[in-house]
Amino acid sequence: MELWIYRRMKKILWLDKKTNKDVLEMMGEEQRLLKTIRQRQLRFVAHIIREESIEKLSLEGRVEGCRSRGRQRQDFLQGLATAAGTNSVEILRLAQDRNGFRSMVANVRL
């Protein structure tokens, strides 16, 4: 959505061979929307992890049952861990330390 708006503002046709990186450089911007979404997702996960609930159990992967066949899909927590530049175990540990977690959320990269 964000890049679509930038392309409309600069009147770039869809036939023009402009990459997203080129459009962002033309606008002098960086992708803010995706970064904001990732930060809010991390804050929500920390909120869930701090309390005992079924949502916490499902995030930690402690749900009973057998796994499906084939290659395992990347789960939600792993996707957030790659955006935060850490691993999922570190996210679970840092969620208990609010100040450390806030600094990690502030440094989210895409």
N, C-alpha and C. Protein backbone atom coordinates (compact mmCIF):
# COMPACT_ATOMS: atom_id res chain seq x y z
N MET A 1 0.82 -1.19 0.00
CA MET A 1 0.00 0.00 0.00
C MET A 1 0.86 1.24 0.00
N GLU A 2 1.88 1.22 0.87
CA GLU A 2 2.74 2.39 1.01
C GLU A 2 3.43 2.72 -0.31
N LEU A 3 4.01 1.71 -0.96
CA LEU A 3 4.71 1.96 -2.22
C LEU A 3 3.73 2.30 -3.34
N TRP A 4 2.55 1.76 -3.30
CA TRP A 4 1.54 2.10 -4.29
C TRP A 4 1.21 3.59 -4.23
N ILE A 5 1.10 4.11 -3.01
CA ILE A 5 0.81 5.54 -2.84
C ILE A 5 1.97 6.38 -3.36
N TYR A 6 3.21 5.96 -3.05
CA TYR A 6 4.37 6.70 -3.55
C TYR A 6 4.41 6.70 -5.07
N ARG A 7 4.09 5.58 -5.69
CA ARG A 7 4.09 5.51 -7.15
C ARG A 7 3.03 6.43 -7.74
N ARG A 8 1.88 6.51 -7.10
CA ARG A 8 0.84 7.42 -7.58
C ARG A 8 1.25 8.87 -7.44
N MET A 9 1.93 9.19 -6.35
CA MET A 9 2.38 10.56 -6.13
C MET A 9 3.41 11.00 -7.17
N LYS A 10 4.30 10.08 -7.57
CA LYS A 10 5.33 10.39 -8.55
C LYS A 10 4.87 10.12 -9.99
N LYS A 11 3.63 9.67 -10.15
CA LYS A 11 3.05 9.37 -11.46
C LYS A 11 3.90 8.37 -12.25
N ILE A 12 4.28 7.30 -11.56
CA ILE A 12 5.05 6.23 -12.20
C ILE A 12 4.06 5.19 -12.70
N LEU A 13 4.09 4.90 -13.98
CA LEU A 13 3.20 3.90 -14.56
C LEU A 13 3.65 2.50 -14.17
N TRP A 14 2.72 1.56 -14.23
CA TRP A 14 3.07 0.20 -13.88
C TRP A 14 3.95 -0.42 -14.97
N LEU A 15 3.96 0.17 -16.16
CA LEU A 15 4.82 -0.32 -17.23
C LEU A 15 6.28 0.12 -17.05
N ASP A 16 6.50 1.18 -16.29
CA ASP A 16 7.86 1.65 -16.03
C ASP A 16 8.58 0.64 -15.15
N LYS A 17 9.83 0.39 -15.48
CA LYS A 17 10.60 -0.60 -14.73
C LYS A 17 11.32 0.08 -13.57
N LYS A 18 10.58 0.40 -12.55
CA LYS A 18 11.13 1.01 -11.35
C LYS A 18 10.97 0.03 -10.19
N THR A 19 12.06 -0.26 -9.52
CA THR A 19 11.98 -1.16 -8.37
C THR A 19 11.46 -0.39 -7.16
N ASN A 20 11.07 -1.13 -6.16
CA ASN A 20 10.60 -0.51 -4.92
C ASN A 20 11.71 0.32 -4.29
N LYS A 21 12.94 -0.18 -4.38
CA LYS A 21 14.08 0.55 -3.82
C LYS A 21 14.26 1.88 -4.53
N ASP A 22 14.10 1.88 -5.86
CA ASP A 22 14.21 3.13 -6.62
C ASP A 22 13.13 4.13 -6.21
N VAL A 23 11.92 3.63 -6.04
CA VAL A 23 10.81 4.52 -5.66
C VAL A 23 11.06 5.12 -4.28
N LEU A 24 11.55 4.31 -3.35
CA LEU A 24 11.84 4.82 -2.01
C LEU A 24 12.95 5.86 -2.05
N GLU A 25 13.96 5.65 -2.90
CA GLU A 25 15.04 6.64 -3.02
C GLU A 25 14.52 7.94 -3.63
N MET A 26 13.63 7.84 -4.61
CA MET A 26 13.06 9.03 -5.22
C MET A 26 12.27 9.85 -4.20
N MET A 27 11.58 9.17 -3.31
CA MET A 27 10.78 9.84 -2.30
C MET A 27 11.62 10.28 -1.09
N GLY A 28 12.81 9.73 -0.97
CA GLY A 28 13.65 10.04 0.19
C GLY A 28 13.08 9.45 1.46
N GLU A 29 12.48 8.29 1.35
CA GLU A 29 11.81 7.64 2.48
C GLU A 29 12.35 6.23 2.66
N GLU A 30 11.94 5.62 3.73
CA GLU A 30 12.15 4.19 3.94
C GLU A 30 10.79 3.57 4.23
N GLN A 31 10.72 2.25 4.17
CA GLN A 31 9.44 1.59 4.39
C GLN A 31 9.05 1.70 5.85
N ARG A 32 8.14 2.60 6.14
CA ARG A 32 7.72 2.82 7.52
C ARG A 32 6.58 1.91 7.93
N LEU A 33 5.68 1.66 7.02
CA LEU A 33 4.47 0.90 7.36
C LEU A 33 4.80 -0.51 7.83
N LEU A 34 5.66 -1.20 7.08
CA LEU A 34 6.01 -2.57 7.45
C LEU A 34 6.77 -2.60 8.78
N LYS A 35 7.62 -1.61 9.00
CA LYS A 35 8.37 -1.55 10.26
C LYS A 35 7.41 -1.32 11.43
N THR A 36 6.43 -0.45 11.25
CA THR A 36 5.44 -0.19 12.30
C THR A 36 4.63 -1.44 12.61
N ILE A 37 4.26 -2.17 11.57
CA ILE A 37 3.49 -3.42 11.76
C ILE A 37 4.30 -4.41 12.57
N ARG A 38 5.58 -4.60 12.21
CA ARG A 38 6.44 -5.53 12.95
C ARG A 38 6.60 -5.12 14.41
N GLN A 39 6.76 -3.82 14.66
CA GLN A 39 6.91 -3.36 16.04
C GLN A 39 5.65 -3.63 16.85
N ARG A 40 4.50 -3.39 16.25
CA ARG A 40 3.25 -3.65 16.98
C ARG A 40 3.03 -5.14 17.22
N GLN A 41 3.43 -5.97 16.25
CA GLN A 41 3.32 -7.41 16.46
C GLN A 41 4.20 -7.86 17.61
N LEU A 42 5.42 -7.32 17.68
CA LEU A 42 6.32 -7.68 18.78
C LEU A 42 5.76 -7.24 20.12
N ARG A 43 5.19 -6.05 20.18
CA ARG A 43 4.60 -5.58 21.44
C ARG A 43 3.44 -6.47 21.86
N PHE A 44 2.63 -6.91 20.90
CA PHE A 44 1.51 -7.79 21.21
C PHE A 44 2.00 -9.13 21.72
N VAL A 45 3.03 -9.67 21.09
CA VAL A 45 3.57 -10.96 21.53
C VAL A 45 4.09 -10.86 22.95
N ALA A 46 4.78 -9.76 23.27
CA ALA A 46 5.28 -9.58 24.63
C ALA A 46 4.13 -9.50 25.63
N HIS A 47 3.06 -8.85 25.26
CA HIS A 47 1.89 -8.76 26.13
C HIS A 47 1.32 -10.15 26.40
N ILE A 48 1.24 -10.98 25.37
CA ILE A 48 0.71 -12.34 25.52
C ILE A 48 1.64 -13.19 26.37
N ILE A 49 2.94 -13.06 26.17
CA ILE A 49 3.91 -13.91 26.86
C ILE A 49 3.97 -13.61 28.35
N ARG A 50 3.71 -12.38 28.75
CA ARG A 50 3.82 -12.00 30.16
C ARG A 50 2.72 -12.59 31.04
N GLU A 51 1.64 -13.10 30.47
CA GLU A 51 0.57 -13.67 31.28
C GLU A 51 0.35 -15.13 30.92
N GLU A 52 -0.16 -15.88 31.87
CA GLU A 52 -0.42 -17.30 31.65
C GLU A 52 -1.75 -17.46 30.92
N SER A 53 -1.70 -17.96 29.70
CA SER A 53 -2.92 -18.14 28.92
C SER A 53 -2.68 -19.21 27.87
N ILE A 54 -3.76 -19.60 27.22
CA ILE A 54 -3.65 -20.59 26.14
C ILE A 54 -2.92 -20.01 24.94
N GLU A 55 -3.01 -18.69 24.77
CA GLU A 55 -2.29 -18.05 23.67
C GLU A 55 -0.78 -18.17 23.88
N LYS A 56 -0.34 -18.06 25.12
CA LYS A 56 1.08 -18.20 25.42
C LYS A 56 1.54 -19.62 25.12
N LEU A 57 0.73 -20.60 25.48
CA LEU A 57 1.09 -21.99 25.20
C LEU A 57 1.20 -22.24 23.70
N SER A 58 0.30 -21.66 22.93
CA SER A 58 0.36 -21.88 21.49
C SER A 58 1.56 -21.17 20.86
N LEU A 59 1.94 -20.00 21.37
CA LEU A 59 3.13 -19.32 20.86
C LEU A 59 4.41 -20.09 21.19
N GLU A 60 4.44 -20.67 22.36
CA GLU A 60 5.63 -21.43 22.76
C GLU A 60 5.67 -22.80 22.12
N GLY A 61 4.60 -23.22 21.49
CA GLY A 61 4.59 -24.50 20.80
C GLY A 61 4.34 -25.69 21.69
N ARG A 62 3.63 -25.51 22.77
CA ARG A 62 3.38 -26.60 23.72
C ARG A 62 2.00 -27.23 23.53
N VAL A 63 1.45 -27.13 22.35
CA VAL A 63 0.13 -27.69 22.07
C VAL A 63 0.31 -29.16 21.71
N GLU A 64 -0.54 -30.03 22.27
CA GLU A 64 -0.43 -31.45 22.01
C GLU A 64 -0.91 -31.78 20.61
N GLY A 65 -0.43 -32.90 20.11
CA GLY A 65 -0.83 -33.35 18.79
C GLY A 65 0.39 -33.65 17.95
N CYS A 66 0.15 -34.17 16.76
CA CYS A 66 1.27 -34.50 15.89
C CYS A 66 1.43 -33.43 14.81
N ARG A 67 2.66 -33.31 14.36
CA ARG A 67 2.95 -32.32 13.32
C ARG A 67 2.50 -32.85 11.97
N SER A 68 2.23 -31.92 11.07
CA SER A 68 1.81 -32.32 9.73
C SER A 68 3.02 -32.80 8.93
N ARG A 69 2.74 -33.49 7.84
CA ARG A 69 3.81 -34.03 7.01
C ARG A 69 4.46 -32.93 6.19
N GLY A 70 5.67 -33.19 5.76
CA GLY A 70 6.36 -32.26 4.88
C GLY A 70 7.17 -31.23 5.64
N ARG A 71 7.63 -30.26 4.89
CA ARG A 71 8.44 -29.20 5.48
C ARG A 71 7.57 -28.35 6.40
N GLN A 72 8.09 -28.10 7.58
CA GLN A 72 7.33 -27.32 8.55
C GLN A 72 7.31 -25.85 8.15
N ARG A 73 6.17 -25.24 8.28
CA ARG A 73 6.04 -23.83 7.96
C ARG A 73 6.72 -22.98 9.03
N GLN A 74 7.15 -21.80 8.62
CA GLN A 74 7.75 -20.88 9.59
C GLN A 74 6.62 -20.33 10.44
N ASP A 75 6.77 -20.42 11.73
CA ASP A 75 5.69 -19.94 12.59
C ASP A 75 5.82 -18.44 12.85
N PHE A 76 4.82 -17.89 13.48
CA PHE A 76 4.70 -16.46 13.71
C PHE A 76 5.88 -15.91 14.50
N LEU A 77 6.27 -16.63 15.53
CA LEU A 77 7.35 -16.18 16.41
C LEU A 77 8.69 -16.17 15.69
N GLN A 78 8.92 -17.14 14.81
CA GLN A 78 10.18 -17.17 14.05
C GLN A 78 10.25 -16.00 13.08
N GLY A 79 9.13 -15.64 12.47
CA GLY A 79 9.10 -14.49 11.57
C GLY A 79 9.42 -13.20 12.29
N LEU A 80 8.89 -13.05 13.48
CA LEU A 80 9.19 -11.85 14.28
C LEU A 80 10.64 -11.85 14.74
N ALA A 81 11.17 -13.03 15.03
CA ALA A 81 12.56 -13.11 15.50
C ALA A 81 13.52 -12.68 14.40
N THR A 82 13.25 -13.04 13.16
CA THR A 82 14.13 -12.61 12.08
C THR A 82 14.04 -11.09 11.88
N ALA A 83 12.86 -10.52 12.06
CA ALA A 83 12.72 -9.06 11.94
C ALA A 83 13.44 -8.34 13.08
N ALA A 84 13.48 -8.96 14.25
CA ALA A 84 14.14 -8.35 15.40
C ALA A 84 15.63 -8.64 15.43
N GLY A 85 16.10 -9.53 14.56
CA GLY A 85 17.52 -9.85 14.51
C GLY A 85 17.97 -10.74 15.65
N THR A 86 17.09 -11.59 16.12
CA THR A 86 17.41 -12.49 17.22
C THR A 86 16.71 -13.82 16.97
N ASN A 87 16.63 -14.66 17.98
CA ASN A 87 15.90 -15.92 17.82
C ASN A 87 14.66 -15.91 18.72
N SER A 88 13.80 -16.90 18.52
CA SER A 88 12.53 -16.91 19.23
C SER A 88 12.71 -17.12 20.74
N VAL A 89 13.73 -17.85 21.14
CA VAL A 89 13.97 -18.07 22.58
C VAL A 89 14.34 -16.75 23.25
N GLU A 90 15.13 -15.93 22.53
CA GLU A 90 15.53 -14.64 23.08
C GLU A 90 14.33 -13.72 23.22
N ILE A 91 13.38 -13.79 22.29
CA ILE A 91 12.17 -12.97 22.39
C ILE A 91 11.37 -13.37 23.63
N LEU A 92 11.25 -14.68 23.87
CA LEU A 92 10.51 -15.15 25.04
C LEU A 92 11.18 -14.70 26.33
N ARG A 93 12.52 -14.70 26.35
CA ARG A 93 13.24 -14.28 27.54
C ARG A 93 13.15 -12.77 27.74
N LEU A 94 13.32 -12.01 26.66
CA LEU A 94 13.30 -10.55 26.78
C LEU A 94 11.91 -10.00 27.07
N ALA A 95 10.87 -10.75 26.76
CA ALA A 95 9.51 -10.27 27.01
C ALA A 95 9.28 -10.04 28.50
N GLN A 96 9.98 -10.76 29.35
CA GLN A 96 9.84 -10.58 30.78
C GLN A 96 10.53 -9.30 31.26
N ASP A 97 11.57 -8.87 30.54
CA ASP A 97 12.31 -7.65 30.86
C ASP A 97 11.80 -6.54 29.95
N ARG A 98 10.95 -5.68 30.45
CA ARG A 98 10.29 -4.67 29.61
C ARG A 98 11.27 -3.69 28.98
N ASN A 99 12.25 -3.23 29.72
CA ASN A 99 13.19 -2.26 29.18
C ASN A 99 14.04 -2.85 28.06
N GLY A 100 14.53 -4.06 28.26
CA GLY A 100 15.31 -4.73 27.22
C GLY A 100 14.48 -5.00 25.99
N PHE A 101 13.23 -5.35 26.21
CA PHE A 101 12.34 -5.64 25.08
C PHE A 101 12.02 -4.37 24.30
N ARG A 102 11.83 -3.27 25.00
CA ARG A 102 11.55 -1.99 24.32
C ARG A 102 12.71 -1.57 23.43
N SER A 103 13.94 -1.79 23.90
CA SER A 103 15.09 -1.43 23.07
C SER A 103 15.19 -2.34 21.84
N MET A 104 14.81 -3.62 22.00
CA MET A 104 14.82 -4.52 20.86
C MET A 104 13.76 -4.12 19.84
N VAL A 105 12.58 -3.74 20.31
CA VAL A 105 11.49 -3.32 19.41
C VAL A 105 11.87 -2.04 18.68
N ALA A 106 12.57 -1.14 19.34
CA ALA A 106 12.97 0.11 18.70
C ALA A 106 13.96 -0.11 17.58
N ASN A 107 14.71 -1.22 17.63
CA ASN A 107 15.74 -1.50 16.62
C ASN A 107 15.30 -2.54 15.60
N VAL A 108 14.02 -2.66 15.35
CA VAL A 108 13.52 -3.62 14.36
C VAL A 108 13.98 -3.20 12.98
N ARG A 109 14.44 -4.18 12.21
CA ARG A 109 14.84 -3.90 10.84
C ARG A 109 14.06 -4.82 9.90
N LEU A 110 14.03 -4.45 8.65
CA LEU A 110 13.25 -5.22 7.67
C LEU A 110 14.13 -6.09 6.85
